[in-house]
Amino acid sequence: MNLGLEMDCDELVELVTEYLDGALDPATHRRFTEHLALCAGCAEYVEQMRETVRLAGTLGEDDLRPDLRDKLLAAFRGWRTGTTPSP
C-alpha cells in the first residue's frame, strides 16, 4: 500500500468496495478521489462497479436459474477463500 502518497490503479481496485460502502478513512478517500480525477480507466471501473451493485440489487432469488445461482455462489466463495471454482 502507498501510505500518504499517490494511489495507483492496483490499490484503487483493492479499495473499491470500501469506497462504494463509504468506509474509507478521510486520507484514503482523498487519495482515492484524487486518483479517479486523473485516471479515466479507474473512473470507468468505479462506475461499472456502481452499476453492477445497482443491478444486482434488483435481482431476486427467483430471477436466477438454480444452476446459475450455484455457480455464482461458488464463485463468491472462491473469491473469499482465494480459490478458483471449477467451471
Protein backbone atom coordinates (compact mmCIF):
# COMPACT_ATOMS: atom_id res chain seq x y z
CA MET A 1 0.00 0.00 0.00
CA ASN A 2 1.10 3.53 -0.76
CA LEU A 3 0.51 5.30 2.58
CA GLY A 4 0.29 9.07 2.29
CA LEU A 5 1.34 9.06 -1.37
CA GLU A 6 -0.47 8.92 -4.68
CA MET A 7 -2.70 5.91 -5.14
CA ASP A 8 -2.04 3.54 -8.02
CA CYS A 9 -4.61 1.59 -10.01
CA ASP A 10 -3.97 -1.71 -8.18
CA GLU A 11 -4.61 -0.11 -4.80
CA LEU A 12 -7.78 1.55 -6.07
CA VAL A 13 -9.13 -1.81 -7.26
CA GLU A 14 -8.41 -3.30 -3.83
CA LEU A 15 -10.31 -0.47 -2.12
CA VAL A 16 -13.28 0.00 -4.45
CA THR A 17 -15.72 -1.90 -2.22
CA GLU A 18 -14.83 0.16 0.83
CA TYR A 19 -15.11 3.32 -1.27
CA LEU A 20 -18.58 2.41 -2.51
CA ASP A 21 -19.61 1.50 1.04
CA GLY A 22 -18.34 4.86 2.36
CA ALA A 23 -15.92 3.04 4.65
CA LEU A 24 -12.59 4.66 3.70
CA ASP A 25 -10.80 6.84 6.23
CA PRO A 26 -10.60 10.51 5.15
CA ALA A 27 -6.97 10.37 3.95
CA THR A 28 -7.52 7.24 1.86
CA HIS A 29 -10.78 8.65 0.49
CA ARG A 30 -8.93 11.79 -0.61
CA ARG A 31 -6.22 9.72 -2.34
CA PHE A 32 -8.91 7.57 -3.99
CA THR A 33 -10.85 10.54 -5.37
CA GLU A 34 -7.64 12.26 -6.50
CA HIS A 35 -6.71 9.15 -8.46
CA LEU A 36 -10.19 8.99 -10.01
CA ALA A 37 -9.84 12.59 -11.18
CA LEU A 38 -6.62 11.69 -13.03
CA CYS A 39 -7.32 8.17 -14.29
CA ALA A 40 -10.14 7.70 -16.79
CA GLY A 41 -9.76 3.92 -16.70
CA CYS A 42 -10.28 3.73 -12.95
CA ALA A 43 -13.15 6.22 -13.10
CA GLU A 44 -14.85 3.96 -15.65
CA TYR A 45 -14.14 0.90 -13.48
CA VAL A 46 -15.76 2.53 -10.44
CA GLU A 47 -18.82 3.48 -12.50
CA GLN A 48 -19.06 -0.11 -13.78
CA MET A 49 -18.90 -1.38 -10.20
CA ARG A 50 -21.64 1.08 -9.15
CA GLU A 51 -23.84 -0.16 -11.99
CA THR A 52 -23.13 -3.81 -11.10
CA VAL A 53 -24.13 -3.19 -7.49
CA ARG A 54 -27.26 -1.34 -8.60
CA LEU A 55 -28.31 -4.10 -10.99
CA ALA A 56 -27.50 -6.90 -8.56
CA GLY A 57 -29.72 -5.21 -6.01
CA THR A 58 -32.69 -5.56 -8.35
CA LEU A 59 -32.40 -9.35 -8.65
CA GLY A 60 -34.48 -11.68 -6.57
CA GLU A 61 -33.65 -15.29 -5.78
CA ASP A 62 -36.32 -16.46 -8.23
CA ASP A 63 -34.76 -14.40 -11.05
CA LEU A 64 -31.81 -16.81 -11.40
CA ARG A 65 -31.84 -20.35 -12.69
CA PRO A 66 -30.70 -22.73 -9.94
CA ASP A 67 -27.56 -23.76 -11.87
CA LEU A 68 -26.50 -20.11 -12.33
CA ARG A 69 -27.23 -19.36 -8.68
CA ASP A 70 -24.97 -22.26 -7.66
CA LYS A 71 -22.19 -21.06 -9.99
CA LEU A 72 -22.39 -17.52 -8.60
CA LEU A 73 -22.31 -18.77 -5.01
CA ALA A 74 -19.29 -20.96 -5.82
CA ALA A 75 -17.53 -18.01 -7.45
CA PHE A 76 -18.13 -15.76 -4.44
CA ARG A 77 -16.99 -18.48 -2.04
CA GLY A 78 -13.86 -18.98 -4.14
CA TRP A 79 -13.20 -15.24 -4.18
CA ARG A 80 -13.48 -15.05 -0.40
CA THR A 81 -11.17 -18.03 0.15
CA GLY A 82 -8.75 -17.18 -2.67
CA THR A 83 -9.57 -20.31 -4.67
CA THR A 84 -10.95 -20.61 -8.17
CA PRO A 85 -14.01 -22.82 -8.60
CA SER A 86 -14.02 -25.31 -11.46
CA PRO A 87 -16.31 -24.40 -14.39
